[in-house]
């Protein structure tokens, strides 16, 4: 794939984010006074390789999200598009794919709940797809030992450990995940299982998925504690970078 390959990002942001509690959908929660979604869009648009960002909004909130993008300063070199999403994350990514114009060869899929991804991570994923990988995921080694358990029969009951996987062979996967466009489209056309990420759909096609280094600041904002951590990261960036 040539260095002239054009790249688009699909950001599924149609979910409600119930683990952060009641209120606005997670992607629209404020982080340092700016909606998390705007931080995520800016993180993707920071890459000079990205020419289009497609935000997949809640069906009833597409107009609100469009207004949100219009109201915040975003890089002029990047185009932005808002489309209504579906019931599942998979349906929403598919809606974003369907909205892509011709001439896009590489597609990144990024969680709106990962607002602080450094541009070097975005560029690293794109570069690996350009180098020929059909699917690329950024990932980090695990700090914690992981146990495989037999799930409890009822809430509150103890769970039995059945195995301890070798930690050195495990990775915590982040986004943006990068794909050759045709590969990702084929995965969405042929894999019907409800899966948690797009790379696992490509795995089901029997195609290789490769890992590139992730970044500790690309964490997912899921719980209230994550919001505090994200605010701290932004405060440190402001102190260091003056913005």
C-alpha atoms as a PDB file:
ATOM      1  CA  UNK A   1       0.000   0.000   0.000  1.00  0.00           C
ATOM      2  CA  UNK A   2       1.533   3.325  -1.022  1.00  0.00           C
ATOM      3  CA  UNK A   3       2.322   6.319   1.153  1.00  0.00           C
ATOM      4  CA  UNK A   4      -0.380   8.132  -0.848  1.00  0.00           C
ATOM      5  CA  UNK A   5      -3.069   5.906   0.718  1.00  0.00           C
ATOM      6  CA  UNK A   6      -5.854   8.026   2.179  1.00  0.00           C
ATOM      7  CA  UNK A   7      -6.965   7.317   5.714  1.00  0.00           C
ATOM      8  CA  UNK A   8     -10.345   7.802   7.401  1.00  0.00           C
ATOM      9  CA  UNK A   9     -11.320   7.249  11.033  1.00  0.00           C
ATOM     10  CA  UNK A  10     -14.690   5.887  12.168  1.00  0.00           C
ATOM     11  CA  UNK A  11     -15.611   6.805  15.760  1.00  0.00           C
ATOM     12  CA  UNK A  12     -18.665   4.877  17.014  1.00  0.00           C
ATOM     13  CA  UNK A  13     -20.219   7.179  19.627  1.00  0.00           C
ATOM     14  CA  UNK A  14     -23.801   5.962  19.723  1.00  0.00           C
ATOM     15  CA  UNK A  15     -23.592   4.155  23.099  1.00  0.00           C
ATOM     16  CA  UNK A  16     -24.899   5.417  26.419  1.00  0.00           C
ATOM     17  CA  UNK A  17     -21.969   4.467  28.676  1.00  0.00           C
ATOM     18  CA  UNK A  18     -24.012   3.100  31.585  1.00  0.00           C
ATOM     19  CA  UNK A  19     -20.941   2.386  33.757  1.00  0.00           C
ATOM     20  CA  UNK A  20     -20.325   6.116  34.178  1.00  0.00           C
ATOM     21  CA  UNK A  21     -23.777   6.431  35.708  1.00  0.00           C
ATOM     22  CA  UNK A  22     -26.881   8.396  34.669  1.00  0.00           C
ATOM     23  CA  UNK A  23     -26.709  11.523  32.567  1.00  0.00           C
ATOM     24  CA  UNK A  24     -25.427  12.333  29.096  1.00  0.00           C
ATOM     25  CA  UNK A  25     -24.103   9.587  26.814  1.00  0.00           C
ATOM     26  CA  UNK A  26     -20.493   8.817  27.736  1.00  0.00           C
ATOM     27  CA  UNK A  27     -19.024  10.358  24.596  1.00  0.00           C
ATOM     28  CA  UNK A  28     -20.663  13.701  25.439  1.00  0.00           C
ATOM     29  CA  UNK A  29     -19.456  13.858  29.058  1.00  0.00           C
ATOM     30  CA  UNK A  30     -17.255  16.857  29.708  1.00  0.00           C
ATOM     31  CA  UNK A  31     -13.551  16.341  30.212  1.00  0.00           C
ATOM     32  CA  UNK A  32     -11.801  19.529  31.283  1.00  0.00           C
ATOM     33  CA  UNK A  33     -14.876  21.439  30.051  1.00  0.00           C
ATOM     34  CA  UNK A  34     -14.886  19.848  26.573  1.00  0.00           C
ATOM     35  CA  UNK A  35     -16.941  16.786  25.560  1.00  0.00           C
ATOM     36  CA  UNK A  36     -14.888  13.579  25.534  1.00  0.00           C
ATOM     37  CA  UNK A  37     -15.902  13.020  21.911  1.00  0.00           C
ATOM     38  CA  UNK A  38     -14.240  16.293  20.843  1.00  0.00           C
ATOM     39  CA  UNK A  39     -11.005  15.244  22.562  1.00  0.00           C
ATOM     40  CA  UNK A  40     -11.155  11.896  20.703  1.00  0.00           C
ATOM     41  CA  UNK A  41     -11.838  13.577  17.334  1.00  0.00           C
ATOM     42  CA  UNK A  42      -8.948  16.000  17.878  1.00  0.00           C
ATOM     43  CA  UNK A  43      -6.647  13.107  18.814  1.00  0.00           C
ATOM     44  CA  UNK A  44      -7.385  11.392  15.487  1.00  0.00           C
ATOM     45  CA  UNK A  45      -7.249  14.603  13.428  1.00  0.00           C
ATOM     46  CA  UNK A  46      -3.846  15.401  14.955  1.00  0.00           C
ATOM     47  CA  UNK A  47      -2.393  12.849  12.517  1.00  0.00           C
ATOM     48  CA  UNK A  48      -1.532  14.463   9.195  1.00  0.00           C
ATOM     49  CA  UNK A  49      -2.323  11.131   7.534  1.00  0.00           C
ATOM     50  CA  UNK A  50      -6.018  11.346   8.521  1.00  0.00           C
ATOM     51  CA  UNK A  51      -8.131  13.121   5.896  1.00  0.00           C
ATOM     52  CA  UNK A  52     -11.636  12.270   7.178  1.00  0.00           C
ATOM     53  CA  UNK A  53     -13.221  11.571  10.578  1.00  0.00           C
ATOM     54  CA  UNK A  54     -16.688   9.975  10.597  1.00  0.00           C
ATOM     55  CA  UNK A  55     -18.529  10.237  13.919  1.00  0.00           C
ATOM     56  CA  UNK A  56     -21.357   7.728  14.343  1.00  0.00           C
ATOM     57  CA  UNK A  57     -23.869   9.399  16.650  1.00  0.00           C
ATOM     58  CA  UNK A  58     -26.924   8.172  18.568  1.00  0.00           C
ATOM     59  CA  UNK A  59     -29.759   8.134  15.980  1.00  0.00           C
ATOM     60  CA  UNK A  60     -31.748  10.742  17.921  1.00  0.00           C
ATOM     61  CA  UNK A  61     -28.635  12.829  18.640  1.00  0.00           C
ATOM     62  CA  UNK A  62     -26.958  13.180  15.242  1.00  0.00           C
ATOM     63  CA  UNK A  63     -27.946  16.851  14.887  1.00  0.00           C
ATOM     64  CA  UNK A  64     -26.623  17.616  18.385  1.00  0.00           C
ATOM     65  CA  UNK A  65     -23.291  15.931  17.605  1.00  0.00           C
ATOM     66  CA  UNK A  66     -23.024  17.811  14.285  1.00  0.00           C
ATOM     67  CA  UNK A  67     -23.557  21.098  16.155  1.00  0.00           C
ATOM     68  CA  UNK A  68     -20.951  20.037  18.696  1.00  0.00           C
ATOM     69  CA  UNK A  69     -18.332  19.472  15.987  1.00  0.00           C
ATOM     70  CA  UNK A  70     -19.211  22.786  14.333  1.00  0.00           C
ATOM     71  CA  UNK A  71     -18.832  24.628  17.650  1.00  0.00           C
ATOM     72  CA  UNK A  72     -15.322  23.385  18.456  1.00  0.00           C
ATOM     73  CA  UNK A  73     -12.088  24.296  16.718  1.00  0.00           C
ATOM     74  CA  UNK A  74     -10.927  21.327  14.636  1.00  0.00           C
ATOM     75  CA  UNK A  75      -8.061  21.103  12.115  1.00  0.00           C
ATOM     76  CA  UNK A  76      -9.027  22.596   8.744  1.00  0.00           C
ATOM     77  CA  UNK A  77      -7.096  19.969   6.791  1.00  0.00           C
ATOM     78  CA  UNK A  78      -9.470  17.231   8.040  1.00  0.00           C
ATOM     79  CA  UNK A  79     -13.040  16.670   6.859  1.00  0.00           C
ATOM     80  CA  UNK A  80     -15.733  15.661   9.356  1.00  0.00           C
ATOM     81  CA  UNK A  81     -18.958  13.748   8.853  1.00  0.00           C
ATOM     82  CA  UNK A  82     -21.717  12.740  11.291  1.00  0.00           C
ATOM     83  CA  UNK A  83     -23.967   9.741  10.571  1.00  0.00           C
ATOM     84  CA  UNK A  84     -26.642   8.068  12.740  1.00  0.00           C
ATOM     85  CA  UNK A  85     -25.637   4.771  14.334  1.00  0.00           C
ATOM     86  CA  UNK A  86     -27.353   1.488  15.121  1.00  0.00           C
ATOM     87  CA  UNK A  87     -28.335  -0.566  18.145  1.00  0.00           C
ATOM     88  CA  UNK A  88     -24.928  -2.248  18.526  1.00  0.00           C
ATOM     89  CA  UNK A  89     -21.359  -1.048  18.176  1.00  0.00           C
ATOM     90  CA  UNK A  90     -21.004  -3.376  15.189  1.00  0.00           C
ATOM     91  CA  UNK A  91     -23.986  -1.769  13.421  1.00  0.00           C
ATOM     92  CA  UNK A  92     -22.587   1.678  14.158  1.00  0.00           C
ATOM     93  CA  UNK A  93     -19.154   0.875  12.703  1.00  0.00           C
ATOM     94  CA  UNK A  94     -20.899  -0.557   9.632  1.00  0.00           C
ATOM     95  CA  UNK A  95     -22.862   2.706   9.263  1.00  0.00           C
ATOM     96  CA  UNK A  96     -19.592   4.622   9.398  1.00  0.00           C
ATOM     97  CA  UNK A  97     -18.029   2.335   6.781  1.00  0.00           C
ATOM     98  CA  UNK A  98     -21.029   2.759   4.497  1.00  0.00           C
ATOM     99  CA  UNK A  99     -20.560   6.545   4.651  1.00  0.00           C
ATOM    100  CA  UNK A 100     -16.936   6.509   3.453  1.00  0.00           C
ATOM    101  CA  UNK A 101     -16.281   8.054   0.038  1.00  0.00           C
ATOM    102  CA  UNK A 102     -14.229   6.365  -2.701  1.00  0.00           C
ATOM    103  CA  UNK A 103     -10.476   6.807  -2.476  1.00  0.00           C
ATOM    104  CA  UNK A 104     -10.118   5.835   1.188  1.00  0.00           C
ATOM    105  CA  UNK A 105      -7.756   2.845   1.461  1.00  0.00           C
ATOM    106  CA  UNK A 106      -7.101   2.685   5.212  1.00  0.00           C
ATOM    107  CA  UNK A 107      -9.765   2.814   7.933  1.00  0.00           C
ATOM    108  CA  UNK A 108      -9.148   3.316  11.631  1.00  0.00           C
ATOM    109  CA  UNK A 109     -11.847   2.489  14.178  1.00  0.00           C
ATOM    110  CA  UNK A 110     -11.504   4.422  17.414  1.00  0.00           C
ATOM    111  CA  UNK A 111     -13.397   4.404  20.722  1.00  0.00           C
ATOM    112  CA  UNK A 112     -14.837   7.808  21.628  1.00  0.00           C
ATOM    113  CA  UNK A 113     -14.083   6.809  25.241  1.00  0.00           C
ATOM    114  CA  UNK A 114     -10.317   6.905  24.539  1.00  0.00           C
ATOM    115  CA  UNK A 115      -9.909  10.687  24.315  1.00  0.00           C
ATOM    116  CA  UNK A 116      -6.182  11.034  25.014  1.00  0.00           C
ATOM    117  CA  UNK A 117      -4.428   8.822  22.433  1.00  0.00           C
ATOM    118  CA  UNK A 118      -1.072  10.390  21.449  1.00  0.00           C
ATOM    119  CA  UNK A 119      -0.589  11.128  17.743  1.00  0.00           C
ATOM    120  CA  UNK A 120       2.458   8.837  17.603  1.00  0.00           C
ATOM    121  CA  UNK A 121       0.178   5.884  18.364  1.00  0.00           C
ATOM    122  CA  UNK A 122      -2.239   6.876  15.590  1.00  0.00           C
ATOM    123  CA  UNK A 123       0.626   7.268  13.110  1.00  0.00           C
ATOM    124  CA  UNK A 124       2.149   3.930  14.178  1.00  0.00           C
ATOM    125  CA  UNK A 125      -1.092   2.073  13.418  1.00  0.00           C
ATOM    126  CA  UNK A 126      -1.462   3.754  10.008  1.00  0.00           C
ATOM    127  CA  UNK A 127       2.160   3.011   9.128  1.00  0.00           C
ATOM    128  CA  UNK A 128       1.739  -0.695   9.899  1.00  0.00           C
ATOM    129  CA  UNK A 129      -1.304  -0.925   7.598  1.00  0.00           C
ATOM    130  CA  UNK A 130       0.617   0.931   4.882  1.00  0.00           C
ATOM    131  CA  UNK A 131       3.383  -1.639   5.296  1.00  0.00           C
ATOM    132  CA  UNK A 132       0.939  -4.404   4.371  1.00  0.00           C
ATOM    133  CA  UNK A 133      -0.822  -5.620   7.521  1.00  0.00           C
ATOM    134  CA  UNK A 134      -4.562  -6.162   6.903  1.00  0.00           C
ATOM    135  CA  UNK A 135      -5.355  -5.392  10.552  1.00  0.00           C
ATOM    136  CA  UNK A 136      -3.374  -3.633  13.288  1.00  0.00           C
ATOM    137  CA  UNK A 137      -4.068  -3.122  16.991  1.00  0.00           C
ATOM    138  CA  UNK A 138      -2.139  -0.999  19.487  1.00  0.00           C
ATOM    139  CA  UNK A 139      -1.617  -2.908  22.727  1.00  0.00           C
ATOM    140  CA  UNK A 140       0.229  -2.899  26.050  1.00  0.00           C
ATOM    141  CA  UNK A 141       1.701  -5.718  28.129  1.00  0.00           C
ATOM    142  CA  UNK A 142      -0.365  -6.517  31.216  1.00  0.00           C
ATOM    143  CA  UNK A 143       0.789  -5.257  34.593  1.00  0.00           C
ATOM    144  CA  UNK A 144      -1.529  -7.584  36.528  1.00  0.00           C
ATOM    145  CA  UNK A 145      -1.572 -11.348  36.711  1.00  0.00           C
ATOM    146  CA  UNK A 146      -4.741 -12.607  34.978  1.00  0.00           C
ATOM    147  CA  UNK A 147      -6.893 -15.486  36.197  1.00  0.00           C
ATOM    148  CA  UNK A 148      -9.415 -17.423  34.124  1.00  0.00           C
ATOM    149  CA  UNK A 149     -12.434 -18.234  36.306  1.00  0.00           C
ATOM    150  CA  UNK A 150     -15.670 -20.160  36.261  1.00  0.00           C
ATOM    151  CA  UNK A 151     -18.249 -17.319  36.401  1.00  0.00           C
ATOM    152  CA  UNK A 152     -20.424 -17.207  39.514  1.00  0.00           C
ATOM    153  CA  UNK A 153     -23.855 -18.774  39.247  1.00  0.00           C
ATOM    154  CA  UNK A 154     -25.383 -15.784  41.049  1.00  0.00           C
ATOM    155  CA  UNK A 155     -24.198 -12.244  41.859  1.00  0.00           C
ATOM    156  CA  UNK A 156     -22.025 -12.094  44.977  1.00  0.00           C
ATOM    157  CA  UNK A 157     -21.000 -15.745  44.934  1.00  0.00           C
ATOM    158  CA  UNK A 158     -17.336 -16.710  44.823  1.00  0.00           C
ATOM    159  CA  UNK A 159     -15.745 -17.776  41.546  1.00  0.00           C
ATOM    160  CA  UNK A 160     -13.354 -20.674  41.073  1.00  0.00           C
ATOM    161  CA  UNK A 161     -10.018 -20.101  39.320  1.00  0.00           C
ATOM    162  CA  UNK A 162      -9.568 -22.571  36.465  1.00  0.00           C
ATOM    163  CA  UNK A 163      -6.306 -21.319  34.906  1.00  0.00           C
ATOM    164  CA  UNK A 164      -3.566 -18.686  35.076  1.00  0.00           C
ATOM    165  CA  UNK A 165      -2.603 -17.683  31.508  1.00  0.00           C
ATOM    166  CA  UNK A 166       1.040 -16.852  30.851  1.00  0.00           C
ATOM    167  CA  UNK A 167       1.118 -13.086  31.199  1.00  0.00           C
ATOM    168  CA  UNK A 168       4.012 -12.599  28.773  1.00  0.00           C
ATOM    169  CA  UNK A 169       1.773 -13.822  25.939  1.00  0.00           C
ATOM    170  CA  UNK A 170      -1.138 -11.509  26.758  1.00  0.00           C
ATOM    171  CA  UNK A 171      -1.764  -7.902  25.698  1.00  0.00           C
ATOM    172  CA  UNK A 172      -4.363  -5.287  26.628  1.00  0.00           C
ATOM    173  CA  UNK A 173      -5.700  -4.002  23.318  1.00  0.00           C
ATOM    174  CA  UNK A 174      -6.503  -0.338  22.677  1.00  0.00           C
ATOM    175  CA  UNK A 175      -7.725   1.769  19.764  1.00  0.00           C
ATOM    176  CA  UNK A 176      -7.458   3.130  17.117  1.00  0.00           C
ATOM    177  CA  UNK A 177      -7.420  -0.223  15.360  1.00  0.00           C
ATOM    178  CA  UNK A 178      -6.331   0.050  11.734  1.00  0.00           C
ATOM    179  CA  UNK A 179      -7.450  -1.890   8.668  1.00  0.00           C
ATOM    180  CA  UNK A 180      -7.130  -2.212   4.972  1.00  0.00           C
ATOM    181  CA  UNK A 181     -10.548  -0.887   3.954  1.00  0.00           C
ATOM    182  CA  UNK A 182     -11.560  -3.851   1.800  1.00  0.00           C
ATOM    183  CA  UNK A 183     -10.643  -6.277   4.602  1.00  0.00           C
ATOM    184  CA  UNK A 184     -12.748  -4.466   7.197  1.00  0.00           C
ATOM    185  CA  UNK A 185     -15.726  -4.185   4.836  1.00  0.00           C
ATOM    186  CA  UNK A 186     -15.515  -7.932   4.134  1.00  0.00           C
ATOM    187  CA  UNK A 187     -15.355  -8.680   7.857  1.00  0.00           C
ATOM    188  CA  UNK A 188     -18.500  -6.641   8.512  1.00  0.00           C
ATOM    189  CA  UNK A 189     -20.291  -8.336   5.628  1.00  0.00           C
ATOM    190  CA  UNK A 190     -19.454 -11.888   6.697  1.00  0.00           C
ATOM    191  CA  UNK A 191     -19.077 -11.983  10.503  1.00  0.00           C
ATOM    192  CA  UNK A 192     -22.426 -11.870  12.278  1.00  0.00           C
ATOM    193  CA  UNK A 193     -21.358 -12.692  15.851  1.00  0.00           C
ATOM    194  CA  UNK A 194     -21.599  -9.783  18.266  1.00  0.00           C
ATOM    195  CA  UNK A 195     -17.915  -9.092  18.921  1.00  0.00           C
ATOM    196  CA  UNK A 196     -16.168  -6.588  21.170  1.00  0.00           C
ATOM    197  CA  UNK A 197     -13.697  -5.249  18.635  1.00  0.00           C
ATOM    198  CA  UNK A 198     -13.213  -5.098  14.888  1.00  0.00           C
ATOM    199  CA  UNK A 199      -9.877  -6.914  14.885  1.00  0.00           C
ATOM    200  CA  UNK A 200     -11.541 -10.078  16.196  1.00  0.00           C
ATOM    201  CA  UNK A 201     -13.845  -9.984  13.161  1.00  0.00           C
ATOM    202  CA  UNK A 202     -10.800  -9.996  10.891  1.00  0.00           C
ATOM    203  CA  UNK A 203      -9.364 -12.864  12.966  1.00  0.00           C
ATOM    204  CA  UNK A 204     -12.528 -14.840  12.187  1.00  0.00           C
ATOM    205  CA  UNK A 205     -11.771 -14.391   8.472  1.00  0.00           C
ATOM    206  CA  UNK A 206      -8.487 -16.201   9.130  1.00  0.00           C
ATOM    207  CA  UNK A 207      -6.408 -13.121   8.271  1.00  0.00           C
ATOM    208  CA  UNK A 208      -3.416 -11.948  10.327  1.00  0.00           C
ATOM    209  CA  UNK A 209      -3.783  -9.217  12.941  1.00  0.00           C
ATOM    210  CA  UNK A 210      -0.567  -7.598  14.180  1.00  0.00           C
ATOM    211  CA  UNK A 211       0.204  -5.635  17.321  1.00  0.00           C
ATOM    212  CA  UNK A 212       2.049  -2.312  17.543  1.00  0.00           C
ATOM    213  CA  UNK A 213       2.999  -0.574  20.804  1.00  0.00           C
ATOM    214  CA  UNK A 214       0.099   1.146  22.524  1.00  0.00           C
ATOM    215  CA  UNK A 215       0.370   3.975  25.042  1.00  0.00           C
ATOM    216  CA  UNK A 216      -0.602   4.257  28.691  1.00  0.00           C
ATOM    217  CA  UNK A 217      -2.527   7.482  27.955  1.00  0.00           C
ATOM    218  CA  UNK A 218      -4.777   5.671  25.456  1.00  0.00           C
ATOM    219  CA  UNK A 219      -6.824   4.201  28.318  1.00  0.00           C
ATOM    220  CA  UNK A 220     -10.600   3.882  28.113  1.00  0.00           C
ATOM    221  CA  UNK A 221     -12.698   6.239  30.238  1.00  0.00           C
ATOM    222  CA  UNK A 222     -15.293   3.863  31.654  1.00  0.00           C
ATOM    223  CA  UNK A 223     -15.619   4.577  35.382  1.00  0.00           C
ATOM    224  CA  UNK A 224     -15.635   7.804  37.419  1.00  0.00           C
ATOM    225  CA  UNK A 225     -12.031   7.120  38.511  1.00  0.00           C
ATOM    226  CA  UNK A 226     -10.975   7.127  34.843  1.00  0.00           C
ATOM    227  CA  UNK A 227     -12.376  10.653  34.479  1.00  0.00           C
ATOM    228  CA  UNK A 228     -10.154  11.830  37.333  1.00  0.00           C
ATOM    229  CA  UNK A 229      -7.134  10.203  35.688  1.00  0.00           C
ATOM    230  CA  UNK A 230      -7.971  11.779  32.320  1.00  0.00           C
ATOM    231  CA  UNK A 231      -8.272  15.232  33.941  1.00  0.00           C
ATOM    232  CA  UNK A 232      -4.850  14.719  35.541  1.00  0.00           C
ATOM    233  CA  UNK A 233      -3.301  13.761  32.184  1.00  0.00           C
ATOM    234  CA  UNK A 234      -4.774  16.872  30.547  1.00  0.00           C
ATOM    235  CA  UNK A 235      -3.520  19.070  33.387  1.00  0.00           C
ATOM    236  CA  UNK A 236      -0.015  17.670  32.972  1.00  0.00           C
ATOM    237  CA  UNK A 237      -0.154  18.200  29.196  1.00  0.00           C
ATOM    238  CA  UNK A 238      -1.225  21.820  29.701  1.00  0.00           C
ATOM    239  CA  UNK A 239       1.645  22.362  32.129  1.00  0.00           C
ATOM    240  CA  UNK A 240       4.149  20.787  29.730  1.00  0.00           C
ATOM    241  CA  UNK A 241       2.841  22.046  26.408  1.00  0.00           C
ATOM    242  CA  UNK A 242       1.178  25.289  27.367  1.00  0.00           C
ATOM    243  CA  UNK A 243      -2.251  24.460  25.917  1.00  0.00           C
END
